[in-house]
Amino acid sequence: MLKAVMRLFGHEEDKPSGRVAKDRLRVVLIHDRANISPEVINHIKDDIIKVISSYMDINQHDMEISLSDDENSVALLANIPVKRIRSQVMSSRNTDR
């Protein structure tokens, strides 16, 4: 999870250790400000996977869930690679109309 969040903030293997530490601290502060533990983030990720998977095939291994903040709010960011939309979902939606 931390690896995905660090990648979101542009972590590269050749970054100076001070920069890496600063990025990690930022992630911790965002989670602290939002008062959301890493365990809760993992539960949210699992719930998102369950819901999204009923509508489409996704690549769970490359999925990234993180928090971002600005001065006024905290946002949940989700990057979910979609393989394909399930055909039965599309056909049932078309018949509902």
PDB file of N, CA and C in Angstrom:
ATOM      1  N   MET A   1       0.834  -1.194   0.000  1.00  0.00           N
ATOM      2  CA  MET A   1       0.000   0.000   0.000  1.00  0.00           C
ATOM      3  C   MET A   1       0.871   1.248   0.000  1.00  0.00           C
ATOM      4  N   LEU A   2       1.862   1.261   0.905  1.00  0.00           N
ATOM      5  CA  LEU A   2       2.741   2.428   0.976  1.00  0.00           C
ATOM      6  C   LEU A   2       3.503   2.607  -0.324  1.00  0.00           C
ATOM      7  N   LYS A   3       3.878   1.495  -0.943  1.00  0.00           N
ATOM      8  CA  LYS A   3       4.600   1.568  -2.213  1.00  0.00           C
ATOM      9  C   LYS A   3       3.747   2.254  -3.280  1.00  0.00           C
ATOM     10  N   ALA A   4       2.456   1.919  -3.328  1.00  0.00           N
ATOM     11  CA  ALA A   4       1.559   2.542  -4.302  1.00  0.00           C
ATOM     12  C   ALA A   4       1.394   4.028  -4.020  1.00  0.00           C
ATOM     13  N   VAL A   5       1.277   4.372  -2.748  1.00  0.00           N
ATOM     14  CA  VAL A   5       1.135   5.784  -2.380  1.00  0.00           C
ATOM     15  C   VAL A   5       2.418   6.546  -2.697  1.00  0.00           C
ATOM     16  N   MET A   6       3.543   5.927  -2.422  1.00  0.00           N
ATOM     17  CA  MET A   6       4.821   6.584  -2.713  1.00  0.00           C
ATOM     18  C   MET A   6       4.984   6.793  -4.221  1.00  0.00           C
ATOM     19  N   ARG A   7       4.527   5.829  -5.011  1.00  0.00           N
ATOM     20  CA  ARG A   7       4.597   5.973  -6.458  1.00  0.00           C
ATOM     21  C   ARG A   7       3.718   7.129  -6.925  1.00  0.00           C
ATOM     22  N   LEU A   8       2.566   7.287  -6.250  1.00  0.00           N
ATOM     23  CA  LEU A   8       1.667   8.387  -6.568  1.00  0.00           C
ATOM     24  C   LEU A   8       2.358   9.734  -6.364  1.00  0.00           C
ATOM     25  N   PHE A   9       3.174   9.816  -5.348  1.00  0.00           N
ATOM     26  CA  PHE A   9       3.883  11.067  -5.062  1.00  0.00           C
ATOM     27  C   PHE A   9       5.209  11.169  -5.813  1.00  0.00           C
ATOM     28  N   GLY A  10       5.419  10.298  -6.762  1.00  0.00           N
ATOM     29  CA  GLY A  10       6.587  10.397  -7.629  1.00  0.00           C
ATOM     30  C   GLY A  10       7.837   9.768  -7.056  1.00  0.00           C
ATOM     31  N   HIS A  11       7.687   8.780  -6.175  1.00  0.00           N
ATOM     32  CA  HIS A  11       8.852   8.121  -5.592  1.00  0.00           C
ATOM     33  C   HIS A  11       9.654   7.427  -6.686  1.00  0.00           C
ATOM     34  N   GLU A  12      10.917   7.657  -6.668  1.00  0.00           N
ATOM     35  CA  GLU A  12      11.823   6.979  -7.592  1.00  0.00           C
ATOM     36  C   GLU A  12      12.953   6.379  -6.785  1.00  0.00           C
ATOM     37  N   GLU A  13      13.504   5.308  -7.274  1.00  0.00           N
ATOM     38  CA  GLU A  13      14.556   4.603  -6.555  1.00  0.00           C
ATOM     39  C   GLU A  13      15.789   5.464  -6.317  1.00  0.00           C
ATOM     40  N   ASP A  14      16.052   6.424  -7.209  1.00  0.00           N
ATOM     41  CA  ASP A  14      17.263   7.220  -7.089  1.00  0.00           C
ATOM     42  C   ASP A  14      17.048   8.540  -6.335  1.00  0.00           C
ATOM     43  N   LYS A  15      15.919   8.705  -5.658  1.00  0.00           N
ATOM     44  CA  LYS A  15      15.669   9.921  -4.888  1.00  0.00           C
ATOM     45  C   LYS A  15      16.548   9.905  -3.647  1.00  0.00           C
ATOM     46  N   PRO A  16      16.996  11.077  -3.243  1.00  0.00           N
ATOM     47  CA  PRO A  16      17.754  11.147  -1.984  1.00  0.00           C
ATOM     48  C   PRO A  16      16.886  10.690  -0.819  1.00  0.00           C
ATOM     49  N   SER A  17      17.511  10.096   0.181  1.00  0.00           N
ATOM     50  CA  SER A  17      16.744   9.538   1.295  1.00  0.00           C
ATOM     51  C   SER A  17      15.945  10.615   2.029  1.00  0.00           C
ATOM     52  N   GLY A  18      16.429  11.846   2.055  1.00  0.00           N
ATOM     53  CA  GLY A  18      15.697  12.942   2.687  1.00  0.00           C
ATOM     54  C   GLY A  18      14.377  13.203   1.987  1.00  0.00           C
ATOM     55  N   ARG A  19      14.385  13.147   0.680  1.00  0.00           N
ATOM     56  CA  ARG A  19      13.162  13.360  -0.107  1.00  0.00           C
ATOM     57  C   ARG A  19      12.174  12.219   0.120  1.00  0.00           C
ATOM     58  N   VAL A  20      12.691  10.995   0.168  1.00  0.00           N
ATOM     59  CA  VAL A  20      11.846   9.828   0.422  1.00  0.00           C
ATOM     60  C   VAL A  20      11.209   9.952   1.807  1.00  0.00           C
ATOM     61  N   ALA A  21      11.997  10.344   2.806  1.00  0.00           N
ATOM     62  CA  ALA A  21      11.470  10.510   4.165  1.00  0.00           C
ATOM     63  C   ALA A  21      10.395  11.600   4.201  1.00  0.00           C
ATOM     64  N   LYS A  22      10.619  12.682   3.483  1.00  0.00           N
ATOM     65  CA  LYS A  22       9.635  13.770   3.420  1.00  0.00           C
ATOM     66  C   LYS A  22       8.336  13.279   2.793  1.00  0.00           C
ATOM     67  N   ASP A  23       8.419  12.503   1.714  1.00  0.00           N
ATOM     68  CA  ASP A  23       7.234  11.957   1.057  1.00  0.00           C
ATOM     69  C   ASP A  23       6.479  11.020   1.996  1.00  0.00           C
ATOM     70  N   ARG A  24       7.212  10.173   2.714  1.00  0.00           N
ATOM     71  CA  ARG A  24       6.564   9.252   3.652  1.00  0.00           C
ATOM     72  C   ARG A  24       5.872  10.010   4.773  1.00  0.00           C
ATOM     73  N   LEU A  25       6.506  11.050   5.277  1.00  0.00           N
ATOM     74  CA  LEU A  25       5.908  11.864   6.323  1.00  0.00           C
ATOM     75  C   LEU A  25       4.631  12.522   5.819  1.00  0.00           C
ATOM     76  N   ARG A  26       4.647  12.971   4.599  1.00  0.00           N
ATOM     77  CA  ARG A  26       3.454  13.591   4.023  1.00  0.00           C
ATOM     78  C   ARG A  26       2.293  12.603   3.981  1.00  0.00           C
ATOM     79  N   VAL A  27       2.570  11.366   3.581  1.00  0.00           N
ATOM     80  CA  VAL A  27       1.543  10.328   3.549  1.00  0.00           C
ATOM     81  C   VAL A  27       0.989  10.092   4.953  1.00  0.00           C
ATOM     82  N   VAL A  28       1.855  10.003   5.931  1.00  0.00           N
ATOM     83  CA  VAL A  28       1.424   9.787   7.315  1.00  0.00           C
ATOM     84  C   VAL A  28       0.575  10.958   7.798  1.00  0.00           C
ATOM     85  N   LEU A  29       0.981  12.183   7.495  1.00  0.00           N
ATOM     86  CA  LEU A  29       0.224  13.360   7.919  1.00  0.00           C
ATOM     87  C   LEU A  29      -1.147  13.425   7.269  1.00  0.00           C
ATOM     88  N   ILE A  30      -1.224  13.058   5.993  1.00  0.00           N
ATOM     89  CA  ILE A  30      -2.524  13.039   5.309  1.00  0.00           C
ATOM     90  C   ILE A  30      -3.443  12.042   5.995  1.00  0.00           C
ATOM     91  N   HIS A  31      -2.944  10.846   6.268  1.00  0.00           N
ATOM     92  CA  HIS A  31      -3.767   9.841   6.938  1.00  0.00           C
ATOM     93  C   HIS A  31      -4.160  10.314   8.330  1.00  0.00           C
ATOM     94  N   ASP A  32      -3.238  10.951   9.019  1.00  0.00           N
ATOM     95  CA  ASP A  32      -3.523  11.442  10.362  1.00  0.00           C
ATOM     96  C   ASP A  32      -4.570  12.551  10.331  1.00  0.00           C
ATOM     97  N   ARG A  33      -4.437  13.475   9.401  1.00  0.00           N
ATOM     98  CA  ARG A  33      -5.392  14.575   9.277  1.00  0.00           C
ATOM     99  C   ARG A  33      -6.785  14.055   8.968  1.00  0.00           C
ATOM    100  N   ALA A  34      -6.858  13.040   8.132  1.00  0.00           N
ATOM    101  CA  ALA A  34      -8.149  12.456   7.781  1.00  0.00           C
ATOM    102  C   ALA A  34      -8.641  11.509   8.876  1.00  0.00           C
ATOM    103  N   ASN A  35      -7.772  11.191   9.817  1.00  0.00           N
ATOM    104  CA  ASN A  35      -8.091  10.281  10.912  1.00  0.00           C
ATOM    105  C   ASN A  35      -8.516   8.911  10.380  1.00  0.00           C
ATOM    106  N   ILE A  36      -7.798   8.435   9.357  1.00  0.00           N
ATOM    107  CA  ILE A  36      -8.074   7.138   8.755  1.00  0.00           C
ATOM    108  C   ILE A  36      -6.804   6.288   8.844  1.00  0.00           C
ATOM    109  N   SER A  37      -6.950   5.129   9.449  1.00  0.00           N
ATOM    110  CA  SER A  37      -5.800   4.237   9.595  1.00  0.00           C
ATOM    111  C   SER A  37      -5.561   3.476   8.296  1.00  0.00           C
ATOM    112  N   PRO A  38      -4.364   2.947   8.120  1.00  0.00           N
ATOM    113  CA  PRO A  38      -4.081   2.130   6.931  1.00  0.00           C
ATOM    114  C   PRO A  38      -5.008   0.913   6.829  1.00  0.00           C
ATOM    115  N   GLU A  39      -5.431   0.370   7.986  1.00  0.00           N
ATOM    116  CA  GLU A  39      -6.349  -0.762   7.975  1.00  0.00           C
ATOM    117  C   GLU A  39      -7.693  -0.356   7.366  1.00  0.00           C
ATOM    118  N   VAL A  40      -8.163   0.841   7.710  1.00  0.00           N
ATOM    119  CA  VAL A  40      -9.433   1.330   7.161  1.00  0.00           C
ATOM    120  C   VAL A  40      -9.299   1.531   5.660  1.00  0.00           C
ATOM    121  N   ILE A  41      -8.171   2.083   5.225  1.00  0.00           N
ATOM    122  CA  ILE A  41      -7.927   2.253   3.784  1.00  0.00           C
ATOM    123  C   ILE A  41      -7.978   0.892   3.083  1.00  0.00           C
ATOM    124  N   ASN A  42      -7.393  -0.129   3.691  1.00  0.00           N
ATOM    125  CA  ASN A  42      -7.424  -1.468   3.088  1.00  0.00           C
ATOM    126  C   ASN A  42      -8.852  -2.006   3.024  1.00  0.00           C
ATOM    127  N   HIS A  43      -9.667  -1.745   4.055  1.00  0.00           N
ATOM    128  CA  HIS A  43     -11.070  -2.176   4.023  1.00  0.00           C
ATOM    129  C   HIS A  43     -11.838  -1.437   2.928  1.00  0.00           C
ATOM    130  N   ILE A  44     -11.563  -0.145   2.786  1.00  0.00           N
ATOM    131  CA  ILE A  44     -12.205   0.632   1.722  1.00  0.00           C
ATOM    132  C   ILE A  44     -11.819   0.051   0.361  1.00  0.00           C
ATOM    133  N   LYS A  45     -10.531  -0.250   0.202  1.00  0.00           N
ATOM    134  CA  LYS A  45     -10.051  -0.820  -1.060  1.00  0.00           C
ATOM    135  C   LYS A  45     -10.756  -2.142  -1.352  1.00  0.00           C
ATOM    136  N   ASP A  46     -10.889  -3.002  -0.339  1.00  0.00           N
ATOM    137  CA  ASP A  46     -11.570  -4.284  -0.530  1.00  0.00           C
ATOM    138  C   ASP A  46     -13.029  -4.079  -0.935  1.00  0.00           C
ATOM    139  N   ASP A  47     -13.704  -3.119  -0.289  1.00  0.00           N
ATOM    140  CA  ASP A  47     -15.105  -2.845  -0.631  1.00  0.00           C
ATOM    141  C   ASP A  47     -15.239  -2.302  -2.047  1.00  0.00           C
ATOM    142  N   ILE A  48     -14.320  -1.428  -2.442  1.00  0.00           N
ATOM    143  CA  ILE A  48     -14.343  -0.883  -3.808  1.00  0.00           C
ATOM    144  C   ILE A  48     -14.144  -2.003  -4.818  1.00  0.00           C
ATOM    145  N   ILE A  49     -13.227  -2.913  -4.533  1.00  0.00           N
ATOM    146  CA  ILE A  49     -12.976  -4.047  -5.430  1.00  0.00           C
ATOM    147  C   ILE A  49     -14.243  -4.889  -5.581  1.00  0.00           C
ATOM    148  N   LYS A  50     -14.947  -5.160  -4.478  1.00  0.00           N
ATOM    149  CA  LYS A  50     -16.170  -5.959  -4.533  1.00  0.00           C
ATOM    150  C   LYS A  50     -17.227  -5.293  -5.410  1.00  0.00           C
ATOM    151  N   VAL A  51     -17.432  -3.996  -5.214  1.00  0.00           N
ATOM    152  CA  VAL A  51     -18.474  -3.293  -5.965  1.00  0.00           C
ATOM    153  C   VAL A  51     -18.105  -3.170  -7.437  1.00  0.00           C
ATOM    154  N   ILE A  52     -16.903  -2.687  -7.717  1.00  0.00           N
ATOM    155  CA  ILE A  52     -16.475  -2.475  -9.104  1.00  0.00           C
ATOM    156  C   ILE A  52     -16.432  -3.804  -9.868  1.00  0.00           C
ATOM    157  N   SER A  53     -16.011  -4.873  -9.194  1.00  0.00           N
ATOM    158  CA  SER A  53     -15.876  -6.172  -9.859  1.00  0.00           C
ATOM    159  C   SER A  53     -17.207  -6.738 -10.317  1.00  0.00           C
ATOM    160  N   SER A  54     -18.316  -6.301  -9.730  1.00  0.00           N
ATOM    161  CA  SER A  54     -19.608  -6.787 -10.206  1.00  0.00           C
ATOM    162  C   SER A  54     -20.001  -6.134 -11.528  1.00  0.00           C
ATOM    163  N   TYR A  55     -19.348  -5.058 -11.898  1.00  0.00           N
ATOM    164  CA  TYR A  55     -19.652  -4.340 -13.141  1.00  0.00           C
ATOM    165  C   TYR A  55     -18.571  -4.491 -14.211  1.00  0.00           C
ATOM    166  N   MET A  56     -17.338  -4.736 -13.787  1.00  0.00           N
ATOM    167  CA  MET A  56     -16.246  -4.809 -14.760  1.00  0.00           C
ATOM    168  C   MET A  56     -15.106  -5.652 -14.219  1.00  0.00           C
ATOM    169  N   ASP A  57     -14.292  -6.157 -15.136  1.00  0.00           N
ATOM    170  CA  ASP A  57     -13.064  -6.851 -14.757  1.00  0.00           C
ATOM    171  C   ASP A  57     -11.980  -5.805 -14.572  1.00  0.00           C
ATOM    172  N   ILE A  58     -11.318  -5.867 -13.412  1.00  0.00           N
ATOM    173  CA  ILE A  58     -10.276  -4.882 -13.115  1.00  0.00           C
ATOM    174  C   ILE A  58      -8.955  -5.581 -12.824  1.00  0.00           C
ATOM    175  N   ASN A  59      -7.883  -4.822 -12.921  1.00  0.00           N
ATOM    176  CA  ASN A  59      -6.555  -5.310 -12.576  1.00  0.00           C
ATOM    177  C   ASN A  59      -6.286  -4.881 -11.133  1.00  0.00           C
ATOM    178  N   GLN A  60      -6.541  -5.780 -10.189  1.00  0.00           N
ATOM    179  CA  GLN A  60      -6.400  -5.450  -8.774  1.00  0.00           C
ATOM    180  C   GLN A  60      -4.955  -5.199  -8.365  1.00  0.00           C
ATOM    181  N   HIS A  61      -4.011  -5.826  -9.050  1.00  0.00           N
ATOM    182  CA  HIS A  61      -2.605  -5.695  -8.673  1.00  0.00           C
ATOM    183  C   HIS A  61      -2.062  -4.295  -8.961  1.00  0.00           C
ATOM    184  N   ASP A  62      -2.583  -3.648  -9.987  1.00  0.00           N
ATOM    185  CA  ASP A  62      -2.115  -2.304 -10.332  1.00  0.00           C
ATOM    186  C   ASP A  62      -3.035  -1.211  -9.800  1.00  0.00           C
ATOM    187  N   MET A  63      -4.033  -1.593  -9.008  1.00  0.00           N
ATOM    188  CA  MET A  63      -4.972  -0.642  -8.433  1.00  0.00           C
ATOM    189  C   MET A  63      -4.293   0.163  -7.330  1.00  0.00           C
ATOM    190  N   GLU A  64      -4.567   1.453  -7.312  1.00  0.00           N
ATOM    191  CA  GLU A  64      -3.988   2.329  -6.293  1.00  0.00           C
ATOM    192  C   GLU A  64      -5.099   3.130  -5.621  1.00  0.00           C
ATOM    193  N   ILE A  65      -5.124   3.085  -4.305  1.00  0.00           N
ATOM    194  CA  ILE A  65      -6.064   3.869  -3.513  1.00  0.00           C
ATOM    195  C   ILE A  65      -5.223   4.699  -2.555  1.00  0.00           C
ATOM    196  N   SER A  66      -5.493   5.997  -2.506  1.00  0.00           N
ATOM    197  CA  SER A  66      -4.727   6.852  -1.608  1.00  0.00           C
ATOM    198  C   SER A  66      -5.557   8.056  -1.190  1.00  0.00           C
ATOM    199  N   LEU A  67      -5.003   8.812  -0.286  1.00  0.00           N
ATOM    200  CA  LEU A  67      -5.618  10.054   0.157  1.00  0.00           C
ATOM    201  C   LEU A  67      -4.758  11.219  -0.299  1.00  0.00           C
ATOM    202  N   SER A  68      -5.395  12.302  -0.631  1.00  0.00           N
ATOM    203  CA  SER A  68      -4.697  13.523  -1.011  1.00  0.00           C
ATOM    204  C   SER A  68      -5.372  14.658  -0.263  1.00  0.00           C
ATOM    205  N   ASP A  69      -4.629  15.697   0.001  1.00  0.00           N
ATOM    206  CA  ASP A  69      -5.258  16.814   0.703  1.00  0.00           C
ATOM    207  C   ASP A  69      -4.826  18.143   0.130  1.00  0.00           C
ATOM    208  N   ASP A  70      -5.672  19.132   0.358  1.00  0.00           N
ATOM    209  CA  ASP A  70      -5.313  20.509   0.106  1.00  0.00           C
ATOM    210  C   ASP A  70      -5.627  21.260   1.394  1.00  0.00           C
ATOM    211  N   GLU A  71      -5.707  22.552   1.343  1.00  0.00           N
ATOM    212  CA  GLU A  71      -5.908  23.312   2.566  1.00  0.00           C
ATOM    213  C   GLU A  71      -7.260  23.057   3.212  1.00  0.00           C
ATOM    214  N   ASN A  72      -8.276  22.732   2.429  1.00  0.00           N
ATOM    215  CA  ASN A  72      -9.640  22.650   2.954  1.00  0.00           C
ATOM    216  C   ASN A  72     -10.238  21.260   3.050  1.00  0.00           C
ATOM    217  N   SER A  73      -9.647  20.269   2.380  1.00  0.00           N
ATOM    218  CA  SER A  73     -10.305  18.965   2.359  1.00  0.00           C
ATOM    219  C   SER A  73      -9.320  17.841   2.100  1.00  0.00           C
ATOM    220  N   VAL A  74      -9.814  16.634   2.319  1.00  0.00           N
ATOM    221  CA  VAL A  74      -9.069  15.413   2.015  1.00  0.00           C
ATOM    222  C   VAL A  74      -9.875  14.656   0.968  1.00  0.00           C
ATOM    223  N   ALA A  75      -9.195  14.140  -0.056  1.00  0.00           N
ATOM    224  CA  ALA A  75      -9.878  13.417  -1.123  1.00  0.00           C
ATOM    225  C   ALA A  75      -9.353  11.983  -1.190  1.00  0.00           C
ATOM    226  N   LEU A  76     -10.251  11.062  -1.465  1.00  0.00           N
ATOM    227  CA  LEU A  76      -9.882   9.684  -1.719  1.00  0.00           C
ATOM    228  C   LEU A  76      -9.646   9.551  -3.213  1.00  0.00           C
ATOM    229  N   LEU A  77      -8.453   9.110  -3.594  1.00  0.00           N
ATOM    230  CA  LEU A  77      -8.104   8.955  -5.003  1.00  0.00           C
ATOM    231  C   LEU A  77      -8.023   7.469  -5.335  1.00  0.00           C
ATOM    232  N   ALA A  78      -8.630   7.081  -6.418  1.00  0.00           N
ATOM    233  CA  ALA A  78      -8.598   5.685  -6.849  1.00  0.00           C
ATOM    234  C   ALA A  78      -8.185   5.607  -8.308  1.00  0.00           C
ATOM    235  N   ASN A  79      -7.142   4.843  -8.557  1.00  0.00           N
ATOM    236  CA  ASN A  79      -6.699   4.553  -9.918  1.00  0.00           C
ATOM    237  C   ASN A  79      -6.921   3.059 -10.112  1.00  0.00           C
ATOM    238  N   ILE A  80      -7.958   2.721 -10.896  1.00  0.00           N
ATOM    239  CA  ILE A  80      -8.358   1.333 -11.052  1.00  0.00           C
ATOM    240  C   ILE A  80      -8.302   0.950 -12.528  1.00  0.00           C
ATOM    241  N   PRO A  81      -7.274   0.193 -12.930  1.00  0.00           N
ATOM    242  CA  PRO A  81      -7.195  -0.236 -14.329  1.00  0.00           C
ATOM    243  C   PRO A  81      -8.348  -1.186 -14.672  1.00  0.00           C
ATOM    244  N   VAL A  82      -9.098  -0.850 -15.699  1.00  0.00           N
ATOM    245  CA  VAL A  82     -10.253  -1.640 -16.130  1.00  0.00           C
ATOM    246  C   VAL A  82      -9.848  -2.487 -17.332  1.00  0.00           C
ATOM    247  N   LYS A  83     -10.067  -3.799 -17.226  1.00  0.00           N
ATOM    248  CA  LYS A  83      -9.783  -4.706 -18.334  1.00  0.00           C
ATOM    249  C   LYS A  83     -10.935  -4.696 -19.332  1.00  0.00           C
ATOM    250  N   ARG A  84     -12.163  -4.842 -18.821  1.00  0.00           N
ATOM    251  CA  ARG A  84     -13.338  -4.802 -19.685  1.00  0.00           C
ATOM    252  C   ARG A  84     -14.578  -4.635 -18.818  1.00  0.00           C
ATOM    253  N   ILE A  85     -15.619  -4.096 -19.421  1.00  0.00           N
ATOM    254  CA  ILE A  85     -16.913  -3.976 -18.760  1.00  0.00           C
ATOM    255  C   ILE A  85     -17.666  -5.273 -19.008  1.00  0.00           C
ATOM    256  N   ARG A  86     -18.286  -5.782 -17.985  1.00  0.00           N
ATOM    257  CA  ARG A  86     -19.013  -7.049 -18.109  1.00  0.00           C
ATOM    258  C   ARG A  86     -20.222  -6.860 -19.020  1.00  0.00           C
ATOM    259  N   SER A  87     -20.373  -7.731 -19.999  1.00  0.00           N
ATOM    260  CA  SER A  87     -21.429  -7.586 -21.003  1.00  0.00           C
ATOM    261  C   SER A  87     -22.829  -7.739 -20.414  1.00  0.00           C
ATOM    262  N   GLN A  88     -23.014  -8.627 -19.430  1.00  0.00           N
ATOM    263  CA  GLN A  88     -24.347  -8.791 -18.865  1.00  0.00           C
ATOM    264  C   GLN A  88     -24.799  -7.527 -18.146  1.00  0.00           C
ATOM    265  N   VAL A  89     -23.907  -6.764 -17.613  1.00  0.00           N
ATOM    266  CA  VAL A  89     -24.270  -5.501 -16.957  1.00  0.00           C
ATOM    267  C   VAL A  89     -24.763  -4.519 -17.990  1.00  0.00           C
ATOM    268  N   MET A  90     -24.056  -4.415 -19.103  1.00  0.00           N
ATOM    269  CA  MET A  90     -24.446  -3.476 -20.163  1.00  0.00           C
ATOM    270  C   MET A  90     -25.788  -3.870 -20.757  1.00  0.00           C
ATOM    271  N   SER A  91     -26.016  -5.158 -21.012  1.00  0.00           N
ATOM    272  CA  SER A  91     -27.270  -5.579 -21.619  1.00  0.00           C
ATOM    273  C   SER A  91     -28.443  -5.411 -20.661  1.00  0.00           C
ATOM    274  N   SER A  92     -28.257  -5.653 -19.366  1.00  0.00           N
ATOM    275  CA  SER A  92     -29.348  -5.472 -18.415  1.00  0.00           C
ATOM    276  C   SER A  92     -29.673  -3.993 -18.221  1.00  0.00           C
ATOM    277  N   ARG A  93     -28.692  -3.131 -18.305  1.00  0.00           N
ATOM    278  CA  ARG A  93     -28.947  -1.694 -18.197  1.00  0.00           C
ATOM    279  C   ARG A  93     -29.740  -1.200 -19.405  1.00  0.00           C
ATOM    280  N   ASN A  94     -29.461  -1.711 -20.580  1.00  0.00           N
ATOM    281  CA  ASN A  94     -30.164  -1.301 -21.792  1.00  0.00           C
ATOM    282  C   ASN A  94     -31.627  -1.757 -21.774  1.00  0.00           C
ATOM    283  N   THR A  95     -31.906  -2.909 -21.175  1.00  0.00           N
ATOM    284  CA  THR A  95     -33.281  -3.385 -21.124  1.00  0.00           C
ATOM    285  C   THR A  95     -34.091  -2.694 -20.041  1.00  0.00           C
ATOM    286  N   ASP A  96     -33.421  -2.070 -19.062  1.00  0.00           N
ATOM    287  CA  ASP A  96     -34.114  -1.357 -17.987  1.00  0.00           C
ATOM    288  C   ASP A  96     -34.702  -0.045 -18.462  1.00  0.00           C
ATOM    289  N   ARG A  97     -34.254   0.444 -19.564  1.00  0.00           N
ATOM    290  CA  ARG A  97     -34.683   1.768 -20.030  1.00  0.00           C
ATOM    291  C   ARG A  97     -35.973   1.727 -20.776  1.00  0.00           C
TER     292      ARG A  97
END
